[in-house]
Structures are given as structure tokens and as C-alpha cells.
Amino acid sequence: MKKMNILLTVILMVIPVLLSSGCTGHSDEDYQERLAEFAANVNASAEYYDHAVESDPENATAWCVRAMYYNGNFNQHDKALESVNRSLELEPEYALAWYVKGIILLNSGDKEGASVCFDNAVKYDPSYSGSIPDVEKFGSEGTDFIAVSYKEE
């Protein structure tokens, strides 16, 4: 009975939150406006990351962060790989870039390539060992589940 009361309390607390947050549905016009705004924000972000590498093409971190963006937004794996490969050309021992490349390859379904990249990430920075996903848990069809974010220190 106690569990039922807790569940009922949680449900009663969640319903007003959902109703006040606009989760009850929107008109098609509102949806189209929000979709257009979202698309504009994504495009502005792409321009930001593209500009970062254009303005400093020898910056391995900029290329790596751009790869994270393209991997995490609409799974643009080709652009992401192009960017992370450029990062690794500039800094072959850049552990974060190896890790990001592993994530991109895993998302693309290349488990063997991902494993090699994760091994390199740990080789160049052993602190990555606790962050490596279990490659065998993923299918060969790839996934869009894994994204990487970057925080400047």
C-alpha cells in the first residue's frame, strides 16, 4: 500500500509539471516554428565549428571538437571522421581524438576500428581506460546512441 501511495504522489506531482511545460501538444504552426528555430540553431552551430577550424586550421582541438559536433548532430559520420582524422594528422598522440574517432567508428558500426582507436586513446592517456565502452555490446549496424562533449579546462 505504501508503494501505491508513493506512486500516486509521484504521478500527481508529474502531471502538473507536464501540463505547465507544454507537453500536452501544440498546434502544427507552433511545431513548425519550433522546428525552424531548432534548424537555425543547428546551422549556426555548424557554422561556428566550421569557422573555428577555418580560422585556425592547425588547431587539433578545434578539429576534434568539430568532429564531436558532427558525430552528435544527425550522425554526420563522414564529416566527423574527416575532422577527427585531421586532428590526428596534427597530433598523432592526441588521446581525446583517438577516443572520439573510436566513438564515431562505433556509431558507424566499425567495431574493430573502434577498438583500435580506444586502445590508442588509452595508450596515450591511461585515464581513458574507465571511459571505453564495451564494443561487443554494439551491433555491426552502428548506433546513434553515443555522443561526446567537450569542456575546456
N, C-alpha and C. Protein backbone atom coordinates (compact mmCIF):
# COMPACT_ATOMS: atom_id res chain seq x y z
N MET A 1 0.82 -1.19 0.00
CA MET A 1 0.00 0.00 0.00
C MET A 1 0.87 1.26 0.00
N LYS A 2 1.97 1.19 0.76
CA LYS A 2 2.86 2.34 0.84
C LYS A 2 3.44 2.66 -0.54
N LYS A 3 3.81 1.62 -1.31
CA LYS A 3 4.34 1.83 -2.66
C LYS A 3 3.30 2.48 -3.56
N MET A 4 2.05 2.08 -3.41
CA MET A 4 0.97 2.64 -4.21
C MET A 4 0.79 4.12 -3.90
N ASN A 5 0.88 4.48 -2.62
CA ASN A 5 0.75 5.89 -2.23
C ASN A 5 1.90 6.72 -2.79
N ILE A 6 3.09 6.16 -2.76
CA ILE A 6 4.26 6.87 -3.30
C ILE A 6 4.08 7.06 -4.80
N LEU A 7 3.67 6.00 -5.49
CA LEU A 7 3.46 6.07 -6.94
C LEU A 7 2.39 7.10 -7.28
N LEU A 8 1.29 7.08 -6.55
CA LEU A 8 0.21 8.03 -6.79
C LEU A 8 0.69 9.46 -6.54
N THR A 9 1.48 9.67 -5.50
CA THR A 9 2.02 11.00 -5.20
C THR A 9 2.92 11.49 -6.33
N VAL A 10 3.78 10.59 -6.81
CA VAL A 10 4.68 10.96 -7.91
C VAL A 10 3.89 11.31 -9.15
N ILE A 11 2.90 10.50 -9.48
CA ILE A 11 2.06 10.77 -10.66
C ILE A 11 1.36 12.12 -10.52
N LEU A 12 0.81 12.38 -9.35
CA LEU A 12 0.11 13.65 -9.14
C LEU A 12 1.06 14.85 -9.21
N MET A 13 2.33 14.63 -8.88
CA MET A 13 3.31 15.72 -8.96
C MET A 13 3.77 15.93 -10.41
N VAL A 14 3.85 14.86 -11.17
CA VAL A 14 4.36 14.94 -12.54
C VAL A 14 3.33 15.54 -13.49
N ILE A 15 2.06 15.24 -13.30
CA ILE A 15 1.03 15.73 -14.21
C ILE A 15 1.02 17.25 -14.31
N PRO A 16 1.02 18.01 -13.20
CA PRO A 16 1.04 19.47 -13.35
C PRO A 16 2.31 19.98 -14.05
N VAL A 17 3.43 19.31 -13.80
CA VAL A 17 4.67 19.72 -14.45
C VAL A 17 4.55 19.53 -15.95
N LEU A 18 4.05 18.38 -16.37
CA LEU A 18 3.87 18.13 -17.80
C LEU A 18 2.90 19.13 -18.43
N LEU A 19 1.82 19.40 -17.74
CA LEU A 19 0.83 20.33 -18.28
C LEU A 19 1.38 21.75 -18.39
N SER A 20 2.19 22.14 -17.41
CA SER A 20 2.73 23.50 -17.44
C SER A 20 3.92 23.65 -18.36
N SER A 21 4.54 22.53 -18.75
CA SER A 21 5.73 22.62 -19.61
C SER A 21 5.39 22.51 -21.09
N GLY A 22 4.15 22.38 -21.40
CA GLY A 22 3.77 22.35 -22.80
C GLY A 22 3.84 20.99 -23.43
N CYS A 23 3.87 19.94 -22.65
CA CYS A 23 3.96 18.58 -23.19
C CYS A 23 2.60 18.01 -23.58
N THR A 24 1.60 18.83 -23.61
CA THR A 24 0.26 18.33 -23.90
C THR A 24 -0.09 18.43 -25.36
N GLY A 25 0.79 18.95 -26.16
CA GLY A 25 0.53 19.07 -27.59
C GLY A 25 0.55 20.51 -28.03
N HIS A 26 0.84 20.71 -29.26
CA HIS A 26 0.94 22.04 -29.82
C HIS A 26 0.28 22.05 -31.19
N SER A 27 -0.05 23.22 -31.60
CA SER A 27 -0.60 23.32 -32.95
C SER A 27 0.50 23.05 -33.96
N ASP A 28 0.11 22.71 -35.16
CA ASP A 28 1.08 22.44 -36.22
C ASP A 28 1.93 23.67 -36.51
N GLU A 29 1.31 24.85 -36.40
CA GLU A 29 2.04 26.09 -36.64
C GLU A 29 3.13 26.29 -35.60
N ASP A 30 2.80 26.05 -34.32
CA ASP A 30 3.81 26.16 -33.26
C ASP A 30 4.94 25.17 -33.49
N TYR A 31 4.58 23.97 -33.86
CA TYR A 31 5.58 22.94 -34.11
C TYR A 31 6.51 23.36 -35.25
N GLN A 32 5.97 23.87 -36.32
CA GLN A 32 6.77 24.30 -37.46
C GLN A 32 7.70 25.45 -37.07
N GLU A 33 7.22 26.36 -36.25
CA GLU A 33 8.07 27.48 -35.77
C GLU A 33 9.23 26.94 -34.95
N ARG A 34 8.93 26.05 -34.02
CA ARG A 34 9.98 25.48 -33.16
C ARG A 34 10.97 24.67 -33.99
N LEU A 35 10.48 23.94 -34.96
CA LEU A 35 11.35 23.16 -35.83
C LEU A 35 12.28 24.07 -36.64
N ALA A 36 11.74 25.17 -37.15
CA ALA A 36 12.56 26.12 -37.91
C ALA A 36 13.61 26.77 -37.01
N GLU A 37 13.22 27.09 -35.77
CA GLU A 37 14.16 27.68 -34.82
C GLU A 37 15.28 26.69 -34.48
N PHE A 38 14.90 25.43 -34.28
CA PHE A 38 15.89 24.40 -33.98
C PHE A 38 16.87 24.25 -35.15
N ALA A 39 16.35 24.20 -36.36
CA ALA A 39 17.20 24.06 -37.55
C ALA A 39 18.16 25.24 -37.67
N ALA A 40 17.68 26.44 -37.39
CA ALA A 40 18.54 27.62 -37.45
C ALA A 40 19.66 27.53 -36.41
N ASN A 41 19.33 27.05 -35.22
CA ASN A 41 20.35 26.89 -34.17
C ASN A 41 21.39 25.85 -34.56
N VAL A 42 20.94 24.74 -35.13
CA VAL A 42 21.88 23.70 -35.56
C VAL A 42 22.79 24.24 -36.64
N ASN A 43 22.22 24.94 -37.61
CA ASN A 43 23.04 25.51 -38.69
C ASN A 43 24.02 26.53 -38.16
N ALA A 44 23.60 27.35 -37.20
CA ALA A 44 24.52 28.33 -36.60
C ALA A 44 25.65 27.62 -35.87
N SER A 45 25.34 26.52 -35.22
CA SER A 45 26.38 25.75 -34.53
C SER A 45 27.37 25.17 -35.53
N ALA A 46 26.87 24.63 -36.62
CA ALA A 46 27.75 24.08 -37.65
C ALA A 46 28.68 25.16 -38.18
N GLU A 47 28.12 26.34 -38.43
CA GLU A 47 28.94 27.46 -38.90
C GLU A 47 30.01 27.82 -37.88
N TYR A 48 29.66 27.77 -36.60
CA TYR A 48 30.61 28.09 -35.53
C TYR A 48 31.81 27.13 -35.58
N TYR A 49 31.52 25.82 -35.62
CA TYR A 49 32.60 24.84 -35.62
C TYR A 49 33.40 24.85 -36.91
N ASP A 50 32.71 25.08 -38.02
CA ASP A 50 33.42 25.19 -39.30
C ASP A 50 34.34 26.41 -39.29
N HIS A 51 33.85 27.51 -38.74
CA HIS A 51 34.66 28.74 -38.66
C HIS A 51 35.88 28.52 -37.75
N ALA A 52 35.69 27.77 -36.67
CA ALA A 52 36.79 27.52 -35.73
C ALA A 52 37.97 26.84 -36.43
N VAL A 53 37.69 25.88 -37.29
CA VAL A 53 38.80 25.19 -37.98
C VAL A 53 39.32 26.01 -39.16
N GLU A 54 38.46 26.81 -39.77
CA GLU A 54 38.92 27.66 -40.86
C GLU A 54 39.83 28.77 -40.34
N SER A 55 39.52 29.30 -39.17
CA SER A 55 40.32 30.39 -38.63
C SER A 55 41.63 29.91 -37.99
N ASP A 56 41.70 28.64 -37.61
CA ASP A 56 42.92 28.08 -37.01
C ASP A 56 43.09 26.63 -37.47
N PRO A 57 43.44 26.43 -38.74
CA PRO A 57 43.48 25.08 -39.30
C PRO A 57 44.54 24.16 -38.71
N GLU A 58 45.45 24.68 -37.93
CA GLU A 58 46.48 23.85 -37.30
C GLU A 58 46.13 23.50 -35.86
N ASN A 59 44.91 23.79 -35.43
CA ASN A 59 44.47 23.54 -34.06
C ASN A 59 43.79 22.17 -33.98
N ALA A 60 44.51 21.20 -33.45
CA ALA A 60 43.98 19.83 -33.37
C ALA A 60 42.73 19.75 -32.51
N THR A 61 42.67 20.55 -31.45
CA THR A 61 41.50 20.53 -30.58
C THR A 61 40.27 21.05 -31.31
N ALA A 62 40.42 22.09 -32.09
CA ALA A 62 39.29 22.62 -32.86
C ALA A 62 38.74 21.56 -33.81
N TRP A 63 39.62 20.83 -34.47
CA TRP A 63 39.19 19.77 -35.38
C TRP A 63 38.50 18.65 -34.62
N CYS A 64 39.02 18.32 -33.46
CA CYS A 64 38.44 17.25 -32.64
C CYS A 64 37.05 17.65 -32.15
N VAL A 65 36.90 18.87 -31.68
CA VAL A 65 35.60 19.35 -31.20
C VAL A 65 34.60 19.41 -32.35
N ARG A 66 35.07 19.81 -33.52
CA ARG A 66 34.19 19.81 -34.70
C ARG A 66 33.72 18.39 -35.00
N ALA A 67 34.61 17.41 -34.85
CA ALA A 67 34.23 16.01 -35.06
C ALA A 67 33.14 15.59 -34.07
N MET A 68 33.27 16.02 -32.82
CA MET A 68 32.25 15.72 -31.82
C MET A 68 30.91 16.29 -32.23
N TYR A 69 30.93 17.52 -32.73
CA TYR A 69 29.69 18.17 -33.16
C TYR A 69 29.02 17.36 -34.27
N TYR A 70 29.78 17.03 -35.31
CA TYR A 70 29.17 16.33 -36.44
C TYR A 70 28.75 14.90 -36.08
N ASN A 71 29.46 14.26 -35.17
CA ASN A 71 29.05 12.93 -34.71
C ASN A 71 27.75 13.02 -33.92
N GLY A 72 27.64 14.03 -33.09
CA GLY A 72 26.50 14.16 -32.19
C GLY A 72 25.27 14.80 -32.81
N ASN A 73 25.40 15.40 -33.95
CA ASN A 73 24.27 16.07 -34.58
C ASN A 73 23.94 15.42 -35.91
N PHE A 74 22.89 14.66 -35.90
CA PHE A 74 22.38 14.00 -37.10
C PHE A 74 23.36 12.98 -37.66
N ASN A 75 24.25 12.48 -36.81
CA ASN A 75 25.16 11.40 -37.18
C ASN A 75 25.84 11.61 -38.52
N GLN A 76 26.46 12.74 -38.66
CA GLN A 76 27.20 13.06 -39.88
C GLN A 76 28.60 12.46 -39.75
N HIS A 77 28.65 11.13 -39.79
CA HIS A 77 29.89 10.42 -39.51
C HIS A 77 31.00 10.72 -40.49
N ASP A 78 30.68 10.94 -41.77
CA ASP A 78 31.73 11.24 -42.74
C ASP A 78 32.44 12.54 -42.40
N LYS A 79 31.66 13.58 -42.09
CA LYS A 79 32.27 14.87 -41.71
C LYS A 79 33.01 14.73 -40.39
N ALA A 80 32.44 13.96 -39.48
CA ALA A 80 33.09 13.76 -38.18
C ALA A 80 34.44 13.05 -38.36
N LEU A 81 34.47 12.01 -39.18
CA LEU A 81 35.73 11.29 -39.42
C LEU A 81 36.76 12.17 -40.12
N GLU A 82 36.30 12.96 -41.07
CA GLU A 82 37.20 13.89 -41.75
C GLU A 82 37.86 14.83 -40.73
N SER A 83 37.07 15.33 -39.81
CA SER A 83 37.59 16.27 -38.82
C SER A 83 38.53 15.59 -37.83
N VAL A 84 38.14 14.44 -37.32
CA VAL A 84 38.99 13.78 -36.33
C VAL A 84 40.28 13.27 -36.97
N ASN A 85 40.21 12.85 -38.22
CA ASN A 85 41.43 12.43 -38.91
C ASN A 85 42.40 13.60 -39.08
N ARG A 86 41.86 14.77 -39.35
CA ARG A 86 42.72 15.97 -39.46
C ARG A 86 43.35 16.27 -38.11
N SER A 87 42.57 16.13 -37.05
CA SER A 87 43.10 16.35 -35.70
C SER A 87 44.28 15.40 -35.43
N LEU A 88 44.12 14.14 -35.83
CA LEU A 88 45.18 13.16 -35.60
C LEU A 88 46.38 13.37 -36.52
N GLU A 89 46.17 13.94 -37.69
CA GLU A 89 47.31 14.31 -38.55
C GLU A 89 48.15 15.36 -37.86
N LEU A 90 47.47 16.29 -37.19
CA LEU A 90 48.18 17.38 -36.50
C LEU A 90 48.85 16.90 -35.21
N GLU A 91 48.16 16.01 -34.48
CA GLU A 91 48.68 15.49 -33.21
C GLU A 91 48.40 14.00 -33.12
N PRO A 92 49.30 13.18 -33.64
CA PRO A 92 49.08 11.74 -33.68
C PRO A 92 48.92 11.07 -32.31
N GLU A 93 49.37 11.70 -31.26
CA GLU A 93 49.26 11.11 -29.93
C GLU A 93 48.19 11.79 -29.09
N TYR A 94 47.22 12.42 -29.73
CA TYR A 94 46.15 13.14 -29.06
C TYR A 94 45.09 12.13 -28.62
N ALA A 95 45.10 11.76 -27.34
CA ALA A 95 44.23 10.71 -26.81
C ALA A 95 42.74 11.02 -27.01
N LEU A 96 42.34 12.26 -26.79
CA LEU A 96 40.93 12.61 -26.96
C LEU A 96 40.48 12.36 -28.41
N ALA A 97 41.32 12.71 -29.36
CA ALA A 97 40.97 12.49 -30.76
C ALA A 97 40.84 11.00 -31.07
N TRP A 98 41.72 10.18 -30.51
CA TRP A 98 41.60 8.74 -30.70
C TRP A 98 40.31 8.22 -30.10
N TYR A 99 39.97 8.73 -28.93
CA TYR A 99 38.72 8.32 -28.27
C TYR A 99 37.51 8.73 -29.11
N VAL A 100 37.50 9.97 -29.58
CA VAL A 100 36.39 10.46 -30.40
C VAL A 100 36.28 9.65 -31.69
N LYS A 101 37.42 9.35 -32.30
CA LYS A 101 37.38 8.54 -33.52
C LYS A 101 36.79 7.15 -33.22
N GLY A 102 37.13 6.59 -32.08
CA GLY A 102 36.55 5.31 -31.68
C GLY A 102 35.04 5.39 -31.54
N ILE A 103 34.56 6.47 -30.95
CA ILE A 103 33.11 6.66 -30.79
C ILE A 103 32.45 6.79 -32.16
N ILE A 104 33.04 7.57 -33.04
CA ILE A 104 32.48 7.75 -34.39
C ILE A 104 32.42 6.42 -35.12
N LEU A 105 33.52 5.66 -35.07
CA LEU A 105 33.55 4.36 -35.75
C LEU A 105 32.54 3.39 -35.13
N LEU A 106 32.41 3.42 -33.81
CA LEU A 106 31.42 2.57 -33.14
C LEU A 106 30.01 2.95 -33.59
N ASN A 107 29.75 4.24 -33.66
CA ASN A 107 28.45 4.71 -34.14
C ASN A 107 28.22 4.31 -35.60
N SER A 108 29.29 4.17 -36.36
CA SER A 108 29.19 3.79 -37.77
C SER A 108 29.10 2.28 -37.96
N GLY A 109 29.31 1.53 -36.89
CA GLY A 109 29.24 0.07 -36.98
C GLY A 109 30.58 -0.62 -37.16
N ASP A 110 31.68 0.14 -37.12
CA ASP A 110 33.02 -0.44 -37.29
C ASP A 110 33.61 -0.74 -35.91
N LYS A 111 33.21 -1.89 -35.35
CA LYS A 111 33.65 -2.24 -34.00
C LYS A 111 35.15 -2.51 -33.94
N GLU A 112 35.69 -3.13 -34.97
CA GLU A 112 37.13 -3.44 -34.98
C GLU A 112 37.96 -2.15 -35.02
N GLY A 113 37.58 -1.23 -35.90
CA GLY A 113 38.27 0.05 -35.97
C GLY A 113 38.13 0.84 -34.68
N ALA A 114 36.94 0.78 -34.08
CA ALA A 114 36.71 1.48 -32.81
C ALA A 114 37.63 0.93 -31.73
N SER A 115 37.78 -0.38 -31.66
CA SER A 115 38.65 -1.00 -30.65
C SER A 115 40.09 -0.52 -30.78
N VAL A 116 40.57 -0.44 -32.01
CA VAL A 116 41.95 0.04 -32.24
C VAL A 116 42.08 1.48 -31.74
N CYS A 117 41.10 2.29 -32.04
CA CYS A 117 41.14 3.70 -31.61
C CYS A 117 41.10 3.82 -30.09
N PHE A 118 40.24 3.03 -29.45
CA PHE A 118 40.16 3.07 -27.99
C PHE A 118 41.47 2.61 -27.36
N ASP A 119 42.10 1.60 -27.95
CA ASP A 119 43.42 1.15 -27.47
C ASP A 119 44.44 2.29 -27.56
N ASN A 120 44.41 3.02 -28.67
CA ASN A 120 45.34 4.15 -28.82
C ASN A 120 45.03 5.26 -27.82
N ALA A 121 43.77 5.51 -27.57
CA ALA A 121 43.40 6.54 -26.59
C ALA A 121 43.99 6.21 -25.23
N VAL A 122 43.86 4.95 -24.81
CA VAL A 122 44.39 4.52 -23.51
C VAL A 122 45.91 4.52 -23.53
N LYS A 123 46.49 4.15 -24.66
CA LYS A 123 47.96 4.14 -24.80
C LYS A 123 48.53 5.54 -24.55
N TYR A 124 47.87 6.55 -25.11
CA TYR A 124 48.39 7.91 -24.99
C TYR A 124 47.91 8.63 -23.73
N ASP A 125 46.82 8.14 -23.13
CA ASP A 125 46.34 8.71 -21.86
C ASP A 125 45.59 7.62 -21.11
N PRO A 126 46.27 6.94 -20.19
CA PRO A 126 45.66 5.83 -19.47
C PRO A 126 44.38 6.19 -18.71
N SER A 127 44.16 7.46 -18.45
CA SER A 127 42.94 7.85 -17.73
C SER A 127 41.67 7.56 -18.54
N TYR A 128 41.80 7.29 -19.83
CA TYR A 128 40.64 6.96 -20.66
C TYR A 128 40.15 5.53 -20.43
N SER A 129 40.93 4.72 -19.75
CA SER A 129 40.59 3.29 -19.61
C SER A 129 39.21 3.08 -18.98
N GLY A 130 38.80 3.94 -18.10
CA GLY A 130 37.49 3.80 -17.46
C GLY A 130 36.34 4.34 -18.29
N SER A 131 36.62 4.96 -19.42
CA SER A 131 35.59 5.58 -20.25
C SER A 131 35.31 4.81 -21.54
N ILE A 132 36.01 3.73 -21.75
CA ILE A 132 35.88 2.99 -23.02
C ILE A 132 34.61 2.13 -22.98
N PRO A 133 33.73 2.31 -23.96
CA PRO A 133 32.53 1.48 -24.00
C PRO A 133 32.86 0.04 -24.38
N ASP A 134 32.03 -0.89 -23.96
CA ASP A 134 32.20 -2.29 -24.31
C ASP A 134 31.74 -2.47 -25.76
N VAL A 135 32.70 -2.52 -26.65
CA VAL A 135 32.44 -2.56 -28.09
C VAL A 135 31.55 -3.75 -28.47
N GLU A 136 31.71 -4.86 -27.77
CA GLU A 136 30.97 -6.07 -28.12
C GLU A 136 29.47 -5.94 -27.84
N LYS A 137 29.07 -4.96 -27.08
CA LYS A 137 27.64 -4.76 -26.80
C LYS A 137 26.91 -4.08 -27.95
N PHE A 138 27.66 -3.63 -28.95
CA PHE A 138 27.07 -2.90 -30.07
C PHE A 138 27.04 -3.79 -31.30
N GLY A 139 26.01 -3.61 -32.11
CA GLY A 139 25.88 -4.39 -33.34
C GLY A 139 26.69 -3.77 -34.46
N SER A 140 26.78 -4.49 -35.55
CA SER A 140 27.53 -4.01 -36.70
C SER A 140 26.76 -2.96 -37.49
N GLU A 141 25.48 -2.76 -37.16
CA GLU A 141 24.69 -1.74 -37.86
C GLU A 141 24.97 -0.33 -37.35
N GLY A 142 25.73 -0.23 -36.28
CA GLY A 142 26.06 1.08 -35.73
C GLY A 142 24.97 1.56 -34.78
N THR A 143 25.17 2.74 -34.27
CA THR A 143 24.25 3.31 -33.30
C THR A 143 24.32 4.82 -33.40
N ASP A 144 23.32 5.48 -32.91
CA ASP A 144 23.39 6.93 -32.79
C ASP A 144 23.31 7.30 -31.32
N PHE A 145 23.63 6.32 -30.50
CA PHE A 145 23.44 6.46 -29.06
C PHE A 145 24.56 7.22 -28.38
N ILE A 146 25.76 7.17 -28.92
CA ILE A 146 26.91 7.71 -28.21
C ILE A 146 27.35 9.05 -28.80
N ALA A 147 27.41 10.03 -27.97
CA ALA A 147 27.95 11.33 -28.33
C ALA A 147 29.03 11.69 -27.30
N VAL A 148 29.87 12.61 -27.66
CA VAL A 148 30.96 13.05 -26.79
C VAL A 148 30.85 14.55 -26.66
N SER A 149 31.05 15.05 -25.47
CA SER A 149 31.05 16.51 -25.30
C SER A 149 32.43 16.96 -24.84
N TYR A 150 32.68 18.22 -25.00
CA TYR A 150 33.99 18.78 -24.68
C TYR A 150 33.81 19.94 -23.73
N LYS A 151 34.62 19.98 -22.71
CA LYS A 151 34.60 21.09 -21.76
C LYS A 151 36.02 21.59 -21.61
N GLU A 152 36.21 22.86 -21.93
CA GLU A 152 37.55 23.43 -21.79
C GLU A 152 37.90 23.55 -20.33
N GLU A 153 39.14 23.24 -20.03
CA GLU A 153 39.60 23.33 -18.62
C GLU A 153 40.38 24.58 -18.41
